[in-house]
Amino acid sequence: MAERKPRRAAPLVLDVGSGYDELNLGRLALISGQKTVPATLRRWQKSILTPDGRPVVITCSVPEDQVVPHGLDNDFMVGLVNLCFEAGLPDGPFTVSAYGLLKASGFPDTAQYYRSLEESLVRLNKANYTIDEGWFVRGPHTWTTQSFAQVNYLSYARSKTGVRGTSVITVQLAPPIMDSLRAGYIKPLDLNFYRSLSQPLVRAVYRQLDALHFDDSTPDGLVRELSAPLMAWANRLGIFSDRADNVARTLKPANDELLAKKYVSEIELTGRGRDKLVRYVFGPPPVGDHPQLAELLRLRGVKSGVAVRLSTVFPERIEEAARRFDHYVKTATRPVGNPGGLLVAMVQRPEDFADLPGYVPARPKTEAPTAPATGTKQTVPNAPLTDEIEAMEAREETRVAALSGQALVDWVLRQLTLLGTMRHLSVQERALLTEAVAEGTLDGRAVVREATRAVSGGIPAVRAVAEDVRTHLSGMLP
C-alpha cells in the first residue's frame, strides 16, 4: 500500500517566521558547518573565545562506526529546539512525527531527506561533547564545564525502507540545553530567512553571526560589526582546513549570499596568508515579532538587543512587567540605579516581584471592573501606561481579526503553545487541530480566547480547554 502523506500524520509544523535559538549552541557551533566531512573524522578539538574574551576548549568524539555531526545536522538541531518549545519545554522526552521534524527543519518531504533525518538523529545522539568553562548558566551567571550529547535520548520506529513520514520519534535534549531554554538564555531566530539560505555552510555562518550579534554587554545589546582572524573563524565554524586560501574560497559563496540578502552590509578580508582577518558589518538591527512590546521595554531603559530578545521569548510577560516596573519606580523610596536591569529581572523572574507593596495586578480582559463604592473617588493607576497598552492591544486585535489561512493557523498554534494548551494534546491531535483551524471547522480565535481565560484557573482549567478541543477533534479521527 502506498504511503499516505496527509497533514494529519504530522505534528505541529513550524511554518512560522520566528523561532528561537539557544545562545550557547548558537555561539559555540558544536556542529561543523561543512556539508561533508572525511568519513574517518571521529574526533575534533577547537579553542574559541566567548563574547567577553574567555578562552574555551571544546572536544567532540563519536564511536568508531560514526562520523562527527556536520552539515544538515545543524538544521535538524534547530528544528528540535523549536519543536521542544512548541511541546512546552517538557521535563522528559517529547514526541514528534518524522514529517513534523522534517518540515520544522525546513526540508521537503522526500525519501532522501528522511534518510538524512535518521542519520542526523543518530549522530546527534552518539556524539559526545565536553565544553571546558564555556557553557553559560544564566541563574548564577557563571561559565561552567559541561559534558553531554545534544540528543541524550532517542527512540524511533522505522519500516523496512527506513524512517518515513508517519514514523514516531521520541527525543530528549541534553539537560544543560533544557535548563538554558527554561531560563530564557535564548535569542530570536528568523526561520524564514534561515530556511531561505541555500547551503548548510551559509546557514551555519548566519546562525553563528546572529548569535554573536546579540551581546548584553554592549551599549544597546547589539554588536554592530565583528572581526576575527580568518583561521580562527574557520575553526569556530568547523571548517577543517589549515590553508587560508582554501578557507577564503570555502567561505566566499556563503559570504556573498549573506551580502546579497543584506543580512550584512559589508564583509572585508585583509592581510595575507594565515594572518588574514575577516570583518563583518551587520545590516539593519533586528525588530523581532513584537516591536510594540520591545518599545515598551526600550522606553524604560532596556537595551535594544535585549528588548528584541525578551519580547520575542516572553511576549506574554512584557505588559504586566512594565506595569509592575512603573509602580515600583513611582513608589520607591530611593532612585533606581539600573532601571533597565530591574525591568529585565521582572520579565525573566516574575515570581520574585509577585508581592510588590501596594501593587494590584491588572485584571484579565474578560473580568468586568468592580463599581466603586458610593462616595469614593475612582482612580486609574498607571494611566499613561494603561492608555499606551490599550491602544497597542486594539491594534493587535485588528491585526488578528484580519488573519486568514496559514497566517491564522500559525497564530493560533503559537498562542495555544504559550498558554500551555498544546502540551496536553497528542501528536495526532495537534495535527488534527492544525487541519481543523486551516479548514475552518474549528474557530481558532475562540479556542485562544477560552485558553486565555483558563490560565487564571491553573492546570485543571487548561486541561479542560484541551479536553474540549479533543472532543471536537474526535469526529475527525479516521
Protein backbone atom coordinates (compact mmCIF):
# COMPACT_ATOMS: atom_id res chain seq x y z
CA MET A 1 0.00 0.00 0.00
CA ALA A 2 1.37 3.43 -0.91
CA GLU A 3 2.34 5.65 1.99
CA ARG A 4 -0.09 8.45 2.74
CA LYS A 5 1.23 11.93 3.33
CA PRO A 6 -1.74 13.85 4.73
CA ARG A 7 -1.31 16.65 7.21
CA ARG A 8 -2.95 14.62 9.94
CA ALA A 9 0.12 12.35 10.04
CA ALA A 10 2.24 15.27 11.18
CA PRO A 11 2.51 17.09 14.49
CA LEU A 12 2.64 20.81 14.87
CA VAL A 13 4.66 22.11 11.90
CA LEU A 14 6.73 25.25 12.24
CA ASP A 15 5.82 27.20 9.11
CA VAL A 16 6.11 30.46 11.01
CA GLY A 17 8.62 33.22 10.54
CA SER A 18 10.01 33.44 14.04
CA GLY A 19 11.79 30.84 16.09
CA TYR A 20 14.37 30.51 18.82
CA ASP A 21 18.00 29.53 19.19
CA GLU A 22 19.69 28.62 22.45
CA LEU A 23 22.56 31.09 22.82
CA ASN A 24 25.22 28.60 23.92
CA LEU A 25 24.51 26.33 20.95
CA GLY A 26 24.45 29.29 18.59
CA ARG A 27 27.76 30.74 19.80
CA LEU A 28 29.75 27.54 20.38
CA ALA A 29 28.95 25.99 16.96
CA LEU A 30 29.10 22.38 18.13
CA ILE A 31 28.25 21.09 14.64
CA SER A 32 30.60 21.55 11.69
CA GLY A 33 29.18 23.86 9.05
CA GLN A 34 30.74 21.82 6.24
CA LYS A 35 28.28 19.95 4.02
CA THR A 36 30.50 16.87 4.17
CA VAL A 37 33.45 15.82 6.33
CA PRO A 38 36.00 12.99 5.94
CA ALA A 39 34.40 9.62 6.70
CA THR A 40 37.18 8.90 9.20
CA LEU A 41 36.71 12.10 11.23
CA ARG A 42 35.65 10.85 14.66
CA ARG A 43 37.14 13.48 16.94
CA TRP A 44 37.97 17.16 16.89
CA GLN A 45 39.04 19.76 19.40
CA LYS A 46 38.89 23.51 18.98
CA SER A 47 39.65 26.61 21.01
CA ILE A 48 37.37 29.63 20.70
CA LEU A 49 36.61 32.80 22.67
CA THR A 50 33.41 33.71 24.48
CA PRO A 51 31.95 37.18 23.76
CA ASP A 52 33.79 38.53 26.82
CA GLY A 53 37.12 37.11 25.63
CA ARG A 54 37.33 33.92 27.73
CA PRO A 55 39.17 31.02 26.05
CA VAL A 56 37.06 27.85 25.71
CA VAL A 57 38.19 24.38 24.66
CA ILE A 58 35.54 22.17 23.04
CA THR A 59 36.03 18.48 22.27
CA CYS A 60 33.74 16.28 20.17
CA SER A 61 34.08 12.49 19.85
CA VAL A 62 31.96 9.75 18.28
CA PRO A 63 32.08 5.92 18.25
CA GLU A 64 34.07 4.05 15.61
CA ASP A 65 31.03 3.45 13.40
CA GLN A 66 30.07 7.15 13.26
CA VAL A 67 31.35 10.47 11.93
CA VAL A 68 31.19 13.83 13.72
CA PRO A 69 27.99 15.89 13.29
CA HIS A 70 28.07 18.21 10.29
CA GLY A 71 26.06 19.88 7.56
CA LEU A 72 22.32 19.23 7.80
CA ASP A 73 22.69 18.19 11.45
CA ASN A 74 22.66 21.92 12.28
CA ASP A 75 19.24 22.28 10.65
CA PHE A 76 17.76 19.26 12.40
CA MET A 77 19.04 20.57 15.74
CA VAL A 78 17.39 23.94 15.08
CA GLY A 79 14.18 22.06 14.27
CA LEU A 80 14.38 20.05 17.50
CA VAL A 81 14.96 23.14 19.65
CA ASN A 82 11.91 24.86 18.19
CA LEU A 83 9.70 21.76 18.37
CA CYS A 84 10.75 21.43 22.00
CA PHE A 85 9.38 24.94 22.56
CA GLU A 86 6.16 24.03 20.80
CA ALA A 87 5.89 20.99 23.09
CA GLY A 88 6.05 23.32 26.10
CA LEU A 89 9.65 22.58 27.22
CA PRO A 90 8.67 19.25 28.82
CA ASP A 91 10.51 17.77 31.79
CA GLY A 92 11.07 14.48 29.96
CA PRO A 93 11.18 13.25 26.35
CA PHE A 94 8.78 14.66 23.76
CA THR A 95 7.34 13.02 20.67
CA VAL A 96 7.12 14.24 17.08
CA SER A 97 6.49 12.61 13.73
CA ALA A 98 9.30 12.33 11.21
CA TYR A 99 7.27 14.50 8.85
CA GLY A 100 6.89 17.19 11.52
CA LEU A 101 10.61 17.23 12.29
CA LEU A 102 11.46 17.33 8.59
CA LYS A 103 9.23 20.35 7.99
CA ALA A 104 10.36 22.07 11.21
CA SER A 105 13.93 21.72 9.91
CA GLY A 106 12.98 23.31 6.58
CA PHE A 107 13.26 20.31 4.26
CA PRO A 108 10.96 18.81 1.61
CA ASP A 109 9.04 15.58 2.18
CA THR A 110 11.29 13.19 0.20
CA ALA A 111 12.92 9.81 0.80
CA GLN A 112 16.37 11.42 0.57
CA TYR A 113 15.69 13.78 3.47
CA TYR A 114 14.10 11.06 5.59
CA ARG A 115 17.39 9.15 5.26
CA SER A 116 19.30 12.31 6.19
CA LEU A 117 16.99 12.83 9.17
CA GLU A 118 17.68 9.36 10.57
CA GLU A 119 21.43 9.68 10.06
CA SER A 120 21.45 13.11 11.73
CA LEU A 121 19.47 11.96 14.76
CA VAL A 122 21.87 9.07 15.32
CA ARG A 123 24.89 11.38 15.05
CA LEU A 124 23.35 13.92 17.44
CA ASN A 125 22.68 11.10 19.90
CA LYS A 126 26.10 9.42 19.59
CA ALA A 127 28.36 12.49 19.55
CA ASN A 128 29.68 13.44 22.99
CA TYR A 129 30.88 16.95 23.73
CA THR A 130 33.00 18.38 26.51
CA ILE A 131 32.95 22.16 26.89
CA ASP A 132 35.59 23.47 29.27
CA GLU A 133 34.33 26.53 31.20
CA GLY A 134 32.40 27.78 28.19
CA TRP A 135 28.74 26.92 28.81
CA PHE A 136 26.96 29.92 30.29
CA VAL A 137 24.42 29.29 33.07
CA ARG A 138 22.06 32.22 33.42
CA GLY A 139 20.95 31.84 37.05
CA PRO A 140 24.32 32.25 38.79
CA HIS A 141 25.77 33.97 35.69
CA THR A 142 28.75 31.65 35.54
CA TRP A 143 30.70 29.82 32.86
CA THR A 144 30.57 26.07 33.52
CA THR A 145 32.15 22.87 32.22
CA GLN A 146 29.62 20.50 30.64
CA SER A 147 29.74 17.06 29.01
CA PHE A 148 26.73 15.80 27.07
CA ALA A 149 25.20 14.55 23.82
CA GLN A 150 22.88 17.16 22.30
CA VAL A 151 20.16 14.49 21.96
CA ASN A 152 20.64 12.40 25.08
CA TYR A 153 17.64 10.12 24.47
CA LEU A 154 16.43 8.83 21.10
CA SER A 155 13.73 6.36 20.13
CA TYR A 156 12.07 5.92 16.76
CA ALA A 157 10.19 3.37 14.67
CA ARG A 158 11.23 2.56 11.14
CA SER A 159 9.77 0.43 8.37
CA LYS A 160 11.72 -1.94 6.13
CA THR A 161 12.54 1.03 3.92
CA GLY A 162 13.64 3.23 6.82
CA VAL A 163 12.11 6.25 8.51
CA ARG A 164 9.01 7.63 6.80
CA GLY A 165 6.58 10.49 7.42
CA THR A 166 4.37 8.69 9.93
CA SER A 167 7.31 7.33 11.95
CA VAL A 168 7.09 8.43 15.59
CA ILE A 169 10.28 9.92 17.03
CA THR A 170 10.83 10.45 20.75
CA VAL A 171 13.76 12.61 21.85
CA GLN A 172 15.08 14.37 24.90
CA LEU A 173 17.55 17.22 24.63
CA ALA A 174 20.54 17.30 26.99
CA PRO A 175 19.78 18.67 30.49
CA PRO A 176 22.08 21.73 30.10
CA ILE A 177 20.22 22.66 26.91
CA MET A 178 16.81 22.25 28.56
CA ASP A 179 17.90 24.23 31.63
CA SER A 180 19.13 27.02 29.40
CA LEU A 181 15.92 27.10 27.36
CA ARG A 182 13.79 27.27 30.50
CA ALA A 183 15.98 30.04 31.91
CA GLY A 184 15.39 32.09 28.77
CA TYR A 185 19.01 32.06 27.58
CA ILE A 186 17.78 32.19 24.01
CA LYS A 187 17.53 34.61 21.12
CA PRO A 188 15.15 35.12 18.21
CA LEU A 189 15.93 33.18 15.04
CA ASP A 190 14.29 34.27 11.79
CA LEU A 191 13.29 30.83 10.49
CA ASN A 192 12.05 32.13 7.16
CA PHE A 193 15.40 33.78 6.48
CA TYR A 194 17.33 30.80 7.85
CA ARG A 195 15.46 28.40 5.55
CA SER A 196 15.91 30.68 2.54
CA LEU A 197 19.69 30.20 2.65
CA SER A 198 20.92 27.77 0.05
CA GLN A 199 23.57 25.59 1.72
CA PRO A 200 24.43 24.20 5.17
CA LEU A 201 27.55 26.38 5.44
CA VAL A 202 25.60 29.57 4.66
CA ARG A 203 23.10 28.68 7.37
CA ALA A 204 25.90 27.85 9.82
CA VAL A 205 27.64 31.20 9.18
CA TYR A 206 24.34 33.05 9.60
CA ARG A 207 23.48 31.19 12.81
CA GLN A 208 26.93 31.93 14.26
CA LEU A 209 26.86 35.61 13.25
CA ASP A 210 23.33 36.06 14.55
CA ALA A 211 24.21 34.52 17.92
CA LEU A 212 27.23 36.83 18.25
CA HIS A 213 25.14 39.82 17.09
CA PHE A 214 23.28 39.76 20.44
CA ASP A 215 25.59 40.84 23.27
CA ASP A 216 24.16 42.24 26.50
CA SER A 217 27.50 43.87 27.39
CA THR A 218 27.31 46.42 24.54
CA PRO A 219 25.58 49.81 24.98
CA ASP A 220 22.42 48.74 23.09
CA GLY A 221 22.71 44.95 23.40
CA LEU A 222 23.81 44.50 19.79
CA VAL A 223 27.23 44.18 18.16
CA ARG A 224 27.50 46.40 15.06
CA GLU A 225 30.45 44.60 13.50
CA LEU A 226 32.54 41.53 14.13
CA SER A 227 36.23 40.93 13.34
CA ALA A 228 38.30 37.77 13.75
CA PRO A 229 41.41 36.09 12.35
CA LEU A 230 40.24 34.14 9.31
CA MET A 231 41.70 30.84 10.53
CA ALA A 232 40.12 31.27 13.97
CA TRP A 233 36.78 31.99 12.28
CA ALA A 234 37.12 28.83 10.20
CA ASN A 235 37.98 26.86 13.33
CA ARG A 236 34.90 28.24 15.06
CA LEU A 237 32.65 27.19 12.16
CA GLY A 238 34.15 23.72 11.93
CA ILE A 239 35.87 24.22 8.57
CA PHE A 240 38.64 21.65 8.61
CA SER A 241 41.47 23.21 6.61
CA ASP A 242 44.85 24.65 7.56
CA ARG A 243 45.22 26.72 4.37
CA ALA A 244 43.96 30.30 4.45
CA ASP A 245 43.32 30.38 0.70
CA ASN A 246 41.12 27.26 0.93
CA VAL A 247 39.19 28.75 3.84
CA ALA A 248 38.61 32.03 1.99
CA ARG A 249 37.46 30.10 -1.09
CA THR A 250 35.13 27.92 1.00
CA LEU A 251 33.56 30.91 2.77
CA LYS A 252 33.14 33.11 -0.32
CA PRO A 253 29.78 31.70 -1.54
CA ALA A 254 28.33 31.93 1.98
CA ASN A 255 29.60 35.48 2.45
CA ASP A 256 28.32 36.53 -0.98
CA GLU A 257 24.85 35.16 -0.24
CA LEU A 258 24.60 36.95 3.11
CA LEU A 259 25.68 40.18 1.40
CA ALA A 260 23.16 39.70 -1.41
CA LYS A 261 20.36 39.16 1.12
CA LYS A 262 21.51 42.29 3.04
CA TYR A 263 21.96 40.46 6.33
CA VAL A 264 25.41 42.04 6.41
CA SER A 265 26.24 45.33 4.72
CA GLU A 266 29.97 44.72 4.33
CA ILE A 267 32.48 41.86 4.50
CA GLU A 268 36.17 42.68 4.38
CA LEU A 269 39.21 40.40 4.13
CA THR A 270 42.57 41.97 4.92
CA GLY A 271 46.11 40.70 5.38
CA ARG A 272 47.99 37.83 3.80
CA GLY A 273 48.20 34.09 4.31
CA ARG A 274 47.41 32.78 7.77
CA ASP A 275 47.43 36.35 9.12
CA LYS A 276 44.27 37.28 7.22
CA LEU A 277 41.45 38.96 9.13
CA VAL A 278 37.74 38.83 8.30
CA ARG A 279 35.36 41.64 9.23
CA TYR A 280 31.55 41.53 9.07
CA VAL A 281 29.40 44.66 9.35
CA PHE A 282 25.80 43.86 10.25
CA GLY A 283 22.84 45.25 8.33
CA PRO A 284 19.77 46.92 9.90
CA PRO A 285 19.13 45.92 13.53
CA PRO A 286 16.50 43.22 14.15
CA VAL A 287 12.99 44.31 15.12
CA GLY A 288 11.50 41.00 16.27
CA ASP A 289 7.90 39.80 16.13
CA HIS A 290 6.57 42.27 18.71
CA PRO A 291 8.08 45.70 18.04
CA GLN A 292 5.47 47.44 20.25
CA LEU A 293 6.40 45.23 23.20
CA ALA A 294 10.10 45.80 22.56
CA GLU A 295 9.41 49.53 22.55
CA LEU A 296 7.72 49.28 25.98
CA LEU A 297 10.98 47.84 27.28
CA ARG A 298 13.25 50.30 25.46
CA LEU A 299 11.33 53.29 26.79
CA ARG A 300 12.09 52.05 30.30
CA GLY A 301 15.84 51.66 29.82
CA VAL A 302 16.25 48.16 28.38
CA LYS A 303 18.90 47.86 25.66
CA SER A 304 17.56 47.44 22.12
CA GLY A 305 19.01 43.97 21.54
CA VAL A 306 17.80 42.76 24.93
CA ALA A 307 14.35 44.26 24.31
CA VAL A 308 14.00 42.42 21.00
CA ARG A 309 15.13 39.16 22.58
CA LEU A 310 12.85 39.40 25.64
CA SER A 311 9.79 40.49 23.64
CA THR A 312 10.26 37.50 21.36
CA VAL A 313 10.86 34.98 24.13
CA PHE A 314 8.36 36.25 26.74
CA PRO A 315 5.72 38.27 24.87
CA GLU A 316 3.02 37.34 27.38
CA ARG A 317 5.02 38.83 30.29
CA ILE A 318 6.01 42.24 28.93
CA GLU A 319 2.90 44.32 29.64
CA GLU A 320 2.50 43.13 33.24
CA ALA A 321 6.23 43.58 33.88
CA ALA A 322 6.02 47.16 32.56
CA ARG A 323 3.10 47.87 34.92
CA ARG A 324 4.98 46.45 37.90
CA PHE A 325 8.07 48.41 36.93
CA ASP A 326 6.17 51.71 36.69
CA HIS A 327 4.56 51.08 40.07
CA TYR A 328 7.91 50.24 41.67
CA VAL A 329 9.65 53.32 40.25
CA LYS A 330 6.77 55.55 41.37
CA THR A 331 6.70 54.23 44.94
CA ALA A 332 10.41 53.51 45.55
CA THR A 333 11.97 55.44 48.42
CA ARG A 334 15.26 55.83 46.56
CA PRO A 335 16.23 56.21 42.89
CA VAL A 336 16.56 53.01 40.86
CA GLY A 337 20.22 52.66 39.93
CA ASN A 338 19.74 50.38 36.90
CA PRO A 339 16.17 50.70 35.60
CA GLY A 340 16.80 48.54 32.54
CA GLY A 341 18.33 45.75 34.60
CA LEU A 342 15.41 45.85 37.05
CA LEU A 343 12.84 45.53 34.26
CA VAL A 344 14.78 42.67 32.66
CA ALA A 345 14.69 40.86 36.01
CA MET A 346 10.94 41.47 36.28
CA VAL A 347 10.43 39.87 32.87
CA GLN A 348 12.73 36.92 33.45
CA ARG A 349 11.77 36.19 37.08
CA PRO A 350 8.22 37.49 37.65
CA GLU A 351 7.85 35.29 40.74
CA ASP A 352 10.47 37.41 42.54
CA PHE A 353 8.26 40.51 42.19
CA ALA A 354 4.84 38.98 42.80
CA ASP A 355 4.25 40.78 46.12
CA LEU A 356 5.18 44.41 45.48
CA PRO A 357 3.63 46.53 48.28
CA GLY A 358 0.54 48.38 47.08
CA TYR A 359 0.54 46.87 43.60
CA VAL A 360 -2.69 45.42 42.20
CA PRO A 361 -2.15 43.19 39.14
CA ALA A 362 -4.13 44.12 36.05
CA ARG A 363 -7.45 42.32 35.69
CA PRO A 364 -7.83 39.91 32.78
CA LYS A 365 -9.68 41.47 29.86
CA THR A 366 -12.66 39.16 30.42
CA GLU A 367 -13.15 40.32 34.02
CA ALA A 368 -15.69 43.10 34.49
CA PRO A 369 -14.48 46.07 36.55
CA THR A 370 -15.92 46.45 40.03
CA ALA A 371 -18.08 49.53 40.52
CA PRO A 372 -16.61 52.00 43.01
CA ALA A 373 -18.33 52.38 46.35
CA THR A 374 -20.67 55.34 46.74
CA GLY A 375 -18.84 58.49 47.66
CA THR A 376 -15.42 57.17 46.72
CA LYS A 377 -13.21 58.56 44.02
CA GLN A 378 -12.30 56.10 41.29
CA THR A 379 -8.67 56.28 40.22
CA VAL A 380 -6.89 54.71 37.30
CA PRO A 381 -3.41 53.52 38.31
CA ASN A 382 -0.61 53.89 35.79
CA ALA A 383 -2.90 55.79 33.40
CA PRO A 384 -0.27 56.65 30.75
CA LEU A 385 0.88 53.04 30.51
CA THR A 386 -2.73 51.79 30.53
CA ASP A 387 -3.63 54.05 27.61
CA GLU A 388 -0.49 53.02 25.76
CA ILE A 389 -1.17 49.31 26.23
CA GLU A 390 -4.88 49.58 25.39
CA ALA A 391 -4.02 51.30 22.11
CA MET A 392 -1.48 48.61 21.34
CA GLU A 393 -3.98 45.86 22.19
CA ALA A 394 -6.58 47.44 19.90
CA ARG A 395 -4.09 47.38 17.04
CA GLU A 396 -3.28 43.74 17.81
CA GLU A 397 -6.96 42.76 17.88
CA THR A 398 -7.44 44.39 14.48
CA ARG A 399 -4.45 42.51 13.11
CA VAL A 400 -5.65 39.16 14.47
CA ALA A 401 -9.17 39.72 13.12
CA ALA A 402 -7.69 40.11 9.63
CA LEU A 403 -5.68 36.86 9.74
CA SER A 404 -6.69 34.00 7.48
CA GLY A 405 -5.28 30.80 6.00
CA GLN A 406 -1.82 29.73 7.15
CA ALA A 407 -1.22 33.02 8.98
CA LEU A 408 -4.24 32.33 11.19
CA VAL A 409 -3.13 28.72 11.79
CA ASP A 410 0.35 29.90 12.79
CA TRP A 411 -1.08 32.47 15.22
CA VAL A 412 -3.50 30.02 16.85
CA LEU A 413 -0.84 27.33 17.32
CA ARG A 414 1.67 29.76 18.78
CA GLN A 415 -0.87 31.25 21.22
CA LEU A 416 -2.04 27.82 22.39
CA THR A 417 1.58 26.82 22.93
CA LEU A 418 2.30 29.91 25.03
CA LEU A 419 -0.89 29.31 27.03
CA GLY A 420 0.04 25.70 27.79
CA THR A 421 -2.80 24.01 25.90
CA MET A 422 -0.65 22.24 23.31
CA ARG A 423 1.28 20.20 25.85
CA HIS A 424 -1.98 18.38 26.76
CA LEU A 425 -2.64 17.28 23.15
CA SER A 426 -1.11 14.24 21.46
CA VAL A 427 0.86 14.29 18.22
CA GLN A 428 -2.20 13.21 16.23
CA GLU A 429 -4.45 15.71 17.98
CA ARG A 430 -2.05 18.55 17.19
CA ALA A 431 -2.13 17.55 13.54
CA LEU A 432 -5.94 17.42 13.57
CA LEU A 433 -6.08 20.80 15.28
CA THR A 434 -3.89 22.29 12.55
CA GLU A 435 -6.20 20.80 9.91
CA ALA A 436 -9.40 21.93 11.64
CA VAL A 437 -8.26 25.55 12.01
CA ALA A 438 -6.99 25.62 8.41
CA GLU A 439 -10.28 24.25 7.06
CA GLY A 440 -12.43 26.48 9.27
CA THR A 441 -14.19 23.62 11.08
CA LEU A 442 -12.83 24.92 14.39
CA ASP A 443 -12.85 28.59 15.40
CA GLY A 444 -9.21 29.05 16.37
CA ARG A 445 -9.75 32.55 17.75
CA ALA A 446 -12.49 31.26 20.07
CA VAL A 447 -10.23 28.48 21.33
CA VAL A 448 -7.49 31.02 22.08
CA ARG A 449 -9.99 33.19 24.00
CA GLU A 450 -11.06 30.18 26.08
CA ALA A 451 -7.44 29.18 26.70
CA THR A 452 -6.60 32.73 27.79
CA ARG A 453 -9.43 32.75 30.32
CA ALA A 454 -8.40 29.31 31.57
CA VAL A 455 -4.88 30.39 32.53
CA SER A 456 -6.11 32.08 35.70
CA GLY A 457 -7.74 28.79 36.74
CA GLY A 458 -4.48 26.87 36.72
CA ILE A 459 -3.66 23.48 35.20
CA PRO A 460 -7.16 21.92 35.69
CA ALA A 461 -8.76 24.73 33.68
CA VAL A 462 -6.11 24.48 30.94
CA ARG A 463 -6.68 20.72 30.75
CA ALA A 464 -10.42 21.32 30.46
CA VAL A 465 -9.85 23.50 27.39
CA ALA A 466 -7.63 20.79 25.88
CA GLU A 467 -10.39 18.24 26.58
CA ASP A 468 -12.95 20.44 24.81
CA VAL A 469 -10.63 20.66 21.80
CA ARG A 470 -10.12 16.88 21.94
CA THR A 471 -13.88 16.30 21.93
CA HIS A 472 -14.30 18.50 18.87
CA LEU A 473 -11.45 16.76 17.05
CA SER A 474 -12.68 13.24 17.85
CA GLY A 475 -15.11 13.44 14.96
CA MET A 476 -12.19 13.86 12.55
CA LEU A 477 -10.43 10.64 13.57
CA PRO A 478 -10.25 8.03 10.79
